[in-house]
Amino acid sequence: MNRFIKLVNFEVNRFSKLYLGLLILTAISQFASLFLVKSKYMKLANDANYASSIKATEAFVSSYGELSFNQVTNHILFIGPIAVCVALMMFYIFIIWYRDYFGKNTFIYRLFMLPTSRMTIYFAKATTILIMVLSLLAFQLILLPIEISVFQNIVPSELLNKLSAVDLLMSNTIFTIILPSSLIDFILFYFVGIGLVFTLFTVILLERSYRWKGIVYGILYGIAIATVLLLPAIIESFIVGNEFSFYPNEVFYMELSLTAIIITISILFSKYLLKNKVSV
């Protein structure tokens, strides 16, 4: 366990500078977006001379609507960092392995020579990915109430449609994707995400084991895993027909079970490859 913790700490430290830069970029970009949205809206309001009378204010709000934080979340500077974080995390799943192979002095050789199981290295890398994803999610959840508070303080109350962080999380498309409102959806979403990480790890190890043939094997493995994950939809659409459909809780338990099977197969397959096929 001590070696595992040291390996996780090592992997996190290797990514820490870029990760910190990503957090700073996210904060700056999102705060910039709320000031830009507010400025654009207030320019329209001032051009309409909204403050001249109550009727003028009501006429402006009737024409343009009240300003809410939902409009900020649709701005490219708010959405952009979230998309960058997701893309970078997907990319890092590959980088966390390939930089050890192609970095200076093929660092993977030194890793595999450590007096510990290769699966310890494997799980340390997977844990690092999970820590990074959950940390980014936690950072966004901490940042959101602060952004909403600042936004509501700089927009005149008569033009503001107040929205709490909870309301935003429940109604906004972006946040319902990265943070599902129900516990069941949250568990399934991130459990499938964990399954995706282990699947991609297996694809990478297939490529490292068989090189060019491994790329083909990896693609086929990915297609097979996707087919397994889509089995409930395939059964519902092409086998039982339109007369029958699964209940949501049935779909949940089926997907949870299939994802557990996928994770188990990927881990066991990866263990076999690391022990018998992967070389440096």
Protein backbone atom coordinates (compact mmCIF):
# COMPACT_ATOMS: atom_id res chain seq x y z
CA MET A 1 0.00 0.00 0.00
CA ASN A 2 2.88 2.35 0.82
CA ARG A 3 4.38 1.86 -2.66
CA PHE A 4 0.98 2.40 -4.24
CA ILE A 5 0.53 5.73 -2.41
CA LYS A 6 4.04 6.81 -3.40
CA LEU A 7 3.34 5.97 -7.05
CA VAL A 8 0.05 7.90 -7.01
CA ASN A 9 1.79 10.88 -5.39
CA PHE A 10 4.54 10.66 -8.01
CA GLU A 11 2.03 10.62 -10.89
CA VAL A 12 0.03 13.52 -9.43
CA ASN A 13 3.18 15.60 -8.95
CA ARG A 14 4.19 15.03 -12.58
CA PHE A 15 0.93 16.60 -13.73
CA SER A 16 0.55 19.19 -10.95
CA LYS A 17 1.95 22.26 -12.77
CA LEU A 18 -0.19 21.75 -15.86
CA TYR A 19 -3.15 20.90 -13.64
CA LEU A 20 -2.75 24.09 -11.58
CA GLY A 21 -2.51 26.09 -14.79
CA LEU A 22 -5.75 24.47 -15.97
CA LEU A 23 -7.53 25.48 -12.75
CA ILE A 24 -6.28 29.07 -13.02
CA LEU A 25 -7.30 29.24 -16.70
CA THR A 26 -10.77 27.93 -15.83
CA ALA A 27 -11.29 30.49 -13.07
CA ILE A 28 -10.03 33.47 -15.10
CA SER A 29 -11.98 32.50 -18.22
CA GLN A 30 -15.25 31.91 -16.40
CA PHE A 31 -15.04 35.15 -14.41
CA ALA A 32 -14.24 36.98 -17.65
CA SER A 33 -17.36 35.46 -19.24
CA LEU A 34 -19.71 36.76 -16.53
CA PHE A 35 -18.30 40.31 -16.82
CA LEU A 36 -18.59 40.20 -20.62
CA VAL A 37 -22.19 38.96 -20.53
CA LYS A 38 -23.09 41.56 -17.94
CA SER A 39 -21.41 44.35 -19.94
CA LYS A 40 -23.18 43.41 -23.18
CA TYR A 41 -26.57 43.26 -21.46
CA MET A 42 -26.05 46.53 -19.58
CA LYS A 43 -25.06 48.30 -22.81
CA LEU A 44 -28.44 47.32 -24.26
CA ALA A 45 -30.15 48.45 -21.06
CA ASN A 46 -28.37 51.80 -20.98
CA ASP A 47 -29.05 52.39 -24.68
CA ALA A 48 -32.74 51.79 -23.91
CA ASN A 49 -32.45 54.26 -21.00
CA TYR A 50 -34.00 51.65 -18.73
CA ALA A 51 -33.34 53.59 -15.49
CA SER A 52 -35.37 56.64 -16.55
CA SER A 53 -38.60 55.24 -15.15
CA ILE A 54 -40.28 52.08 -13.88
CA LYS A 55 -42.17 51.79 -17.15
CA ALA A 56 -38.93 52.01 -19.14
CA THR A 57 -37.44 49.25 -16.99
CA GLU A 58 -40.51 47.06 -17.44
CA ALA A 59 -40.52 47.69 -21.22
CA PHE A 60 -36.83 46.74 -21.46
CA VAL A 61 -37.29 43.56 -19.40
CA SER A 62 -40.34 42.68 -21.48
CA SER A 63 -38.30 43.00 -24.67
CA TYR A 64 -35.00 41.44 -23.59
CA GLY A 65 -35.87 39.45 -20.49
CA GLU A 66 -34.07 39.49 -17.17
CA LEU A 67 -30.40 38.60 -17.00
CA SER A 68 -29.64 35.26 -15.36
CA PHE A 69 -26.48 33.25 -14.77
CA ASN A 70 -27.76 30.68 -17.27
CA GLN A 71 -26.79 33.15 -19.99
CA VAL A 72 -23.25 33.22 -18.64
CA THR A 73 -22.96 29.43 -18.83
CA ASN A 74 -23.75 29.59 -22.56
CA HIS A 75 -20.80 31.90 -23.22
CA ILE A 76 -17.81 30.36 -25.00
CA LEU A 77 -15.42 31.56 -22.27
CA PHE A 78 -17.45 29.66 -19.68
CA ILE A 79 -18.02 26.49 -21.69
CA GLY A 80 -14.55 26.48 -23.25
CA PRO A 81 -12.51 25.62 -20.12
CA ILE A 82 -14.91 22.78 -19.26
CA ALA A 83 -14.49 21.33 -22.76
CA VAL A 84 -10.71 21.78 -22.50
CA CYS A 85 -10.67 19.96 -19.13
CA VAL A 86 -12.67 17.03 -20.53
CA ALA A 87 -10.48 16.81 -23.64
CA LEU A 88 -7.28 17.08 -21.60
CA MET A 89 -8.39 14.32 -19.21
CA MET A 90 -9.15 12.06 -22.19
CA PHE A 91 -5.77 12.89 -23.71
CA TYR A 92 -4.00 12.36 -20.40
CA ILE A 93 -5.23 8.74 -20.27
CA PHE A 94 -2.84 8.14 -23.17
CA ILE A 95 -0.10 10.52 -22.01
CA ILE A 96 0.16 8.87 -18.60
CA TRP A 97 1.44 5.71 -20.35
CA TYR A 98 3.15 6.95 -23.50
CA ARG A 99 5.30 9.63 -21.89
CA ASP A 100 6.97 6.84 -19.86
CA TYR A 101 7.79 5.00 -23.09
CA PHE A 102 8.89 7.95 -25.20
CA GLY A 103 10.27 10.23 -22.51
CA LYS A 104 13.92 10.60 -21.65
CA ASN A 105 15.69 7.26 -21.07
CA THR A 106 12.39 5.30 -21.45
CA PHE A 107 11.24 5.83 -17.87
CA ILE A 108 8.84 2.86 -18.15
CA TYR A 109 11.86 0.55 -17.83
CA ARG A 110 12.67 2.01 -14.41
CA LEU A 111 9.02 1.76 -13.36
CA PHE A 112 8.78 -1.91 -14.33
CA MET A 113 12.01 -2.64 -12.47
CA LEU A 114 10.56 -1.41 -9.17
CA PRO A 115 10.18 -4.13 -6.53
CA THR A 116 6.41 -4.14 -6.85
CA SER A 117 3.73 -5.69 -9.04
CA ARG A 118 3.16 -4.08 -12.42
CA MET A 119 -0.52 -3.94 -11.51
CA THR A 120 0.39 -1.54 -8.69
CA ILE A 121 1.71 0.83 -11.37
CA TYR A 122 -1.43 0.19 -13.41
CA PHE A 123 -3.80 1.03 -10.54
CA ALA A 124 -1.70 4.04 -9.51
CA LYS A 125 -2.13 5.52 -12.99
CA ALA A 126 -5.89 4.80 -12.96
CA THR A 127 -6.24 6.34 -9.49
CA THR A 128 -4.38 9.45 -10.66
CA ILE A 129 -6.87 9.93 -13.50
CA LEU A 130 -9.80 9.50 -11.08
CA ILE A 131 -8.31 11.99 -8.59
CA MET A 132 -7.77 14.56 -11.34
CA VAL A 133 -11.33 14.23 -12.67
CA LEU A 134 -12.98 14.43 -9.25
CA SER A 135 -10.73 17.35 -8.25
CA LEU A 136 -11.73 19.29 -11.37
CA LEU A 137 -15.38 18.59 -10.60
CA ALA A 138 -14.96 19.72 -6.98
CA PHE A 139 -13.14 22.88 -8.09
CA GLN A 140 -15.99 23.77 -10.45
CA LEU A 141 -18.57 23.19 -7.71
CA ILE A 142 -16.62 25.44 -5.33
CA LEU A 143 -16.17 28.11 -8.02
CA LEU A 144 -19.81 28.17 -9.12
CA PRO A 145 -21.44 29.73 -5.99
CA ILE A 146 -18.68 32.37 -5.91
CA GLU A 147 -19.29 33.24 -9.57
CA ILE A 148 -23.06 33.44 -9.01
CA SER A 149 -22.58 35.69 -5.96
CA VAL A 150 -20.26 38.06 -7.85
CA PHE A 151 -22.63 38.10 -10.83
CA GLN A 152 -25.67 38.95 -8.71
CA ASN A 153 -23.77 41.76 -7.02
CA ILE A 154 -22.74 43.50 -10.25
CA VAL A 155 -26.13 43.29 -12.02
CA PRO A 156 -28.87 45.75 -10.97
CA SER A 157 -31.54 43.88 -8.98
CA GLU A 158 -34.38 45.14 -11.20
CA LEU A 159 -32.78 43.45 -14.21
CA LEU A 160 -31.63 40.29 -12.46
CA ASN A 161 -33.23 36.88 -12.52
CA LYS A 162 -31.75 35.31 -9.39
CA LEU A 163 -30.66 31.73 -9.71
CA SER A 164 -29.10 29.61 -6.98
CA ALA A 165 -26.27 27.17 -7.59
CA VAL A 166 -28.64 24.26 -6.93
CA ASP A 167 -31.19 25.56 -9.45
CA LEU A 168 -28.43 26.00 -12.02
CA LEU A 169 -27.11 22.48 -11.49
CA MET A 170 -30.63 21.08 -11.86
CA SER A 171 -31.56 23.02 -15.00
CA ASN A 172 -28.42 23.71 -17.03
CA THR A 173 -27.54 21.16 -19.72
CA ILE A 174 -23.79 21.36 -19.16
CA PHE A 175 -24.02 20.69 -15.44
CA THR A 176 -26.64 17.97 -15.75
CA ILE A 177 -24.10 16.13 -17.92
CA ILE A 178 -21.03 16.48 -15.68
CA LEU A 179 -23.03 16.33 -12.45
CA PRO A 180 -26.29 14.35 -12.86
CA SER A 181 -28.97 15.48 -10.40
CA SER A 182 -29.96 12.03 -9.16
CA LEU A 183 -27.63 9.75 -7.20
CA ILE A 184 -28.44 6.84 -9.52
CA ASP A 185 -27.46 8.78 -12.64
CA PHE A 186 -24.32 10.10 -10.91
CA ILE A 187 -23.19 6.60 -9.91
CA LEU A 188 -23.88 5.19 -13.38
CA PHE A 189 -22.26 8.11 -15.24
CA TYR A 190 -19.00 8.01 -13.31
CA PHE A 191 -18.93 4.23 -13.04
CA VAL A 192 -19.15 4.08 -16.84
CA GLY A 193 -16.40 6.72 -16.91
CA ILE A 194 -14.18 4.46 -14.78
CA GLY A 195 -14.98 1.62 -17.18
CA LEU A 196 -13.88 3.85 -20.07
CA VAL A 197 -10.54 4.55 -18.36
CA PHE A 198 -9.81 0.84 -17.85
CA THR A 199 -10.94 0.06 -21.41
CA LEU A 200 -8.58 2.68 -22.86
CA PHE A 201 -5.77 1.39 -20.64
CA THR A 202 -6.31 -2.06 -22.17
CA VAL A 203 -6.31 -0.58 -25.68
CA ILE A 204 -3.00 1.17 -24.92
CA LEU A 205 -1.46 -2.01 -23.53
CA LEU A 206 -2.61 -3.95 -26.60
CA GLU A 207 -0.80 -1.44 -28.80
CA ARG A 208 2.30 -1.63 -26.59
CA SER A 209 2.19 -5.44 -26.73
CA TYR A 210 1.62 -5.99 -30.45
CA ARG A 211 2.52 -2.57 -31.96
CA TRP A 212 0.74 -2.14 -35.35
CA LYS A 213 -1.36 -5.27 -34.91
CA GLY A 214 -2.16 -4.01 -31.42
CA ILE A 215 -3.83 -0.91 -32.87
CA VAL A 216 -6.24 -3.15 -34.79
CA TYR A 217 -6.76 -5.35 -31.73
CA GLY A 218 -7.40 -2.25 -29.64
CA ILE A 219 -10.01 -0.91 -32.07
CA LEU A 220 -11.76 -4.29 -32.13
CA TYR A 221 -11.64 -4.48 -28.34
CA GLY A 222 -13.15 -0.98 -28.08
CA ILE A 223 -15.95 -1.92 -30.49
CA ALA A 224 -16.66 -5.10 -28.51
CA ILE A 225 -16.82 -3.15 -25.23
CA ALA A 226 -19.12 -0.51 -26.76
CA THR A 227 -21.40 -3.29 -28.05
CA VAL A 228 -21.59 -4.87 -24.59
CA LEU A 229 -22.41 -1.51 -23.01
CA LEU A 230 -25.18 -0.89 -25.56
CA LEU A 231 -26.72 -4.34 -25.13
CA PRO A 232 -29.89 -3.10 -23.32
CA ALA A 233 -30.63 -0.64 -26.15
CA ILE A 234 -29.85 -3.28 -28.79
CA ILE A 235 -32.14 -5.83 -27.10
CA GLU A 236 -34.91 -3.27 -26.72
CA SER A 237 -34.70 -1.99 -30.30
CA PHE A 238 -33.94 -5.06 -32.40
CA ILE A 239 -34.95 -8.13 -30.42
CA VAL A 240 -38.05 -7.48 -28.32
CA GLY A 241 -39.47 -4.75 -30.57
CA ASN A 242 -41.63 -1.71 -29.83
CA GLU A 243 -44.14 -3.59 -27.68
CA PHE A 244 -41.71 -3.87 -24.79
CA SER A 245 -39.35 -1.47 -23.06
CA PHE A 246 -37.20 -1.72 -19.97
CA TYR A 247 -38.00 0.28 -16.85
CA PRO A 248 -35.39 2.93 -15.91
CA ASN A 249 -34.30 0.99 -12.82
CA GLU A 250 -33.89 -2.15 -14.95
CA VAL A 251 -31.68 -0.23 -17.39
CA PHE A 252 -29.67 1.15 -14.45
CA TYR A 253 -28.94 -2.28 -12.97
CA MET A 254 -28.18 -3.79 -16.37
CA GLU A 255 -25.75 -0.99 -17.26
CA LEU A 256 -24.18 -1.16 -13.80
CA SER A 257 -23.69 -4.92 -14.14
CA LEU A 258 -22.34 -4.67 -17.68
CA THR A 259 -19.93 -1.92 -16.67
CA ALA A 260 -18.72 -4.04 -13.73
CA ILE A 261 -18.11 -6.91 -16.18
CA ILE A 262 -16.26 -4.56 -18.56
CA ILE A 263 -14.04 -3.26 -15.75
CA THR A 264 -13.28 -6.79 -14.54
CA ILE A 265 -12.45 -8.04 -18.04
CA SER A 266 -10.30 -4.99 -18.78
CA ILE A 267 -8.34 -5.33 -15.54
CA LEU A 268 -7.76 -9.08 -15.99
CA PHE A 269 -6.81 -8.65 -19.64
CA SER A 270 -4.46 -5.79 -18.74
CA LYS A 271 -2.90 -7.93 -16.02
CA TYR A 272 -2.22 -10.67 -18.57
CA LEU A 273 -0.69 -8.20 -21.02
CA LEU A 274 1.50 -6.53 -18.40
CA LYS A 275 2.74 -9.88 -17.14
CA ASN A 276 3.28 -11.70 -20.42
CA LYS A 277 3.29 -9.32 -23.38
CA VAL A 278 4.23 -5.74 -22.56
CA SER A 279 7.91 -5.04 -22.99
CA VAL A 280 10.14 -1.97 -22.95
